[in-house]
């Protein structure tokens, strides 16, 4: 089963996501829920940024491979 947002992307973007070529950073990341969805869709998340230390601590626990 595919996520609905993938169907609105054109075929080349969809192929790049499946091949792991799409990367992103998460601005105002909070605990990283949006990043989690993107990771499940095949996007590599490199880093999360937020101005709240508690949010950054949660993001770090939830996304150990990101900065």
C-alpha atoms as a PDB file:
ATOM      1  CA  UNK A   1       0.000   0.000   0.000  1.00  0.00           C
ATOM      2  CA  UNK A   2       1.387   3.400  -1.001  1.00  0.00           C
ATOM      3  CA  UNK A   3       1.026   6.700   0.816  1.00  0.00           C
ATOM      4  CA  UNK A   4      -1.483   8.963  -0.962  1.00  0.00           C
ATOM      5  CA  UNK A   5       0.956  11.844  -1.395  1.00  0.00           C
ATOM      6  CA  UNK A   6       3.176   9.696  -3.626  1.00  0.00           C
ATOM      7  CA  UNK A   7       0.460   9.472  -6.240  1.00  0.00           C
ATOM      8  CA  UNK A   8       0.495  13.233  -6.827  1.00  0.00           C
ATOM      9  CA  UNK A   9       4.220  13.207  -7.605  1.00  0.00           C
ATOM     10  CA  UNK A  10       5.249  12.700 -11.178  1.00  0.00           C
ATOM     11  CA  UNK A  11       6.809   9.384 -12.088  1.00  0.00           C
ATOM     12  CA  UNK A  12      10.434  10.602 -12.014  1.00  0.00           C
ATOM     13  CA  UNK A  13      10.137  11.858  -8.424  1.00  0.00           C
ATOM     14  CA  UNK A  14       8.431   8.639  -7.385  1.00  0.00           C
ATOM     15  CA  UNK A  15      11.273   6.617  -8.942  1.00  0.00           C
ATOM     16  CA  UNK A  16      13.907   8.755  -7.213  1.00  0.00           C
ATOM     17  CA  UNK A  17      12.198   8.258  -3.843  1.00  0.00           C
ATOM     18  CA  UNK A  18      12.151   4.499  -4.354  1.00  0.00           C
ATOM     19  CA  UNK A  19      15.852   4.570  -5.279  1.00  0.00           C
ATOM     20  CA  UNK A  20      16.718   6.571  -2.150  1.00  0.00           C
ATOM     21  CA  UNK A  21      17.855   9.644  -4.051  1.00  0.00           C
ATOM     22  CA  UNK A  22      15.597  12.171  -2.314  1.00  0.00           C
ATOM     23  CA  UNK A  23      17.041  13.824   0.821  1.00  0.00           C
ATOM     24  CA  UNK A  24      15.605  16.403   3.202  1.00  0.00           C
ATOM     25  CA  UNK A  25      16.140  18.375   6.377  1.00  0.00           C
ATOM     26  CA  UNK A  26      13.311  19.104   8.809  1.00  0.00           C
ATOM     27  CA  UNK A  27      12.976  22.736   9.920  1.00  0.00           C
ATOM     28  CA  UNK A  28      10.988  23.298  13.130  1.00  0.00           C
ATOM     29  CA  UNK A  29      11.094  19.516  13.521  1.00  0.00           C
ATOM     30  CA  UNK A  30       9.393  19.030  16.883  1.00  0.00           C
ATOM     31  CA  UNK A  31       9.620  15.350  17.842  1.00  0.00           C
ATOM     32  CA  UNK A  32      10.037  14.364  14.186  1.00  0.00           C
ATOM     33  CA  UNK A  33       6.608  13.096  13.135  1.00  0.00           C
ATOM     34  CA  UNK A  34       6.806  14.637   9.663  1.00  0.00           C
ATOM     35  CA  UNK A  35      10.310  13.245   9.240  1.00  0.00           C
ATOM     36  CA  UNK A  36       9.064   9.805  10.229  1.00  0.00           C
ATOM     37  CA  UNK A  37       6.444   9.909   7.492  1.00  0.00           C
ATOM     38  CA  UNK A  38       9.014  10.967   4.928  1.00  0.00           C
ATOM     39  CA  UNK A  39      11.402   8.214   6.054  1.00  0.00           C
ATOM     40  CA  UNK A  40       8.618   5.650   5.689  1.00  0.00           C
ATOM     41  CA  UNK A  41       8.113   6.957   2.152  1.00  0.00           C
ATOM     42  CA  UNK A  42      11.809   6.440   1.375  1.00  0.00           C
ATOM     43  CA  UNK A  43      13.194   9.950   1.868  1.00  0.00           C
ATOM     44  CA  UNK A  44      16.521  10.228   3.735  1.00  0.00           C
ATOM     45  CA  UNK A  45      16.344  12.775   6.560  1.00  0.00           C
ATOM     46  CA  UNK A  46      19.753  14.329   7.255  1.00  0.00           C
ATOM     47  CA  UNK A  47      18.963  16.704  10.117  1.00  0.00           C
ATOM     48  CA  UNK A  48      16.260  18.296  12.216  1.00  0.00           C
ATOM     49  CA  UNK A  49      16.281  21.885  13.478  1.00  0.00           C
ATOM     50  CA  UNK A  50      14.139  23.441  16.187  1.00  0.00           C
ATOM     51  CA  UNK A  51      14.461  26.232  18.759  1.00  0.00           C
ATOM     52  CA  UNK A  52      13.129  24.072  21.614  1.00  0.00           C
ATOM     53  CA  UNK A  53      15.685  21.821  23.311  1.00  0.00           C
ATOM     54  CA  UNK A  54      13.024  19.303  24.418  1.00  0.00           C
ATOM     55  CA  UNK A  55      11.918  18.928  20.799  1.00  0.00           C
ATOM     56  CA  UNK A  56      15.500  18.393  19.668  1.00  0.00           C
ATOM     57  CA  UNK A  57      16.024  15.763  22.367  1.00  0.00           C
ATOM     58  CA  UNK A  58      12.904  13.903  21.198  1.00  0.00           C
ATOM     59  CA  UNK A  59      13.923  14.207  17.549  1.00  0.00           C
ATOM     60  CA  UNK A  60      17.355  12.803  18.379  1.00  0.00           C
ATOM     61  CA  UNK A  61      15.817   9.788  20.132  1.00  0.00           C
ATOM     62  CA  UNK A  62      13.392   9.159  17.267  1.00  0.00           C
ATOM     63  CA  UNK A  63      15.916   9.677  14.421  1.00  0.00           C
ATOM     64  CA  UNK A  64      19.264   8.300  15.510  1.00  0.00           C
ATOM     65  CA  UNK A  65      20.787   8.480  11.984  1.00  0.00           C
ATOM     66  CA  UNK A  66      20.074  12.209  11.636  1.00  0.00           C
ATOM     67  CA  UNK A  67      22.061  15.126  13.076  1.00  0.00           C
END
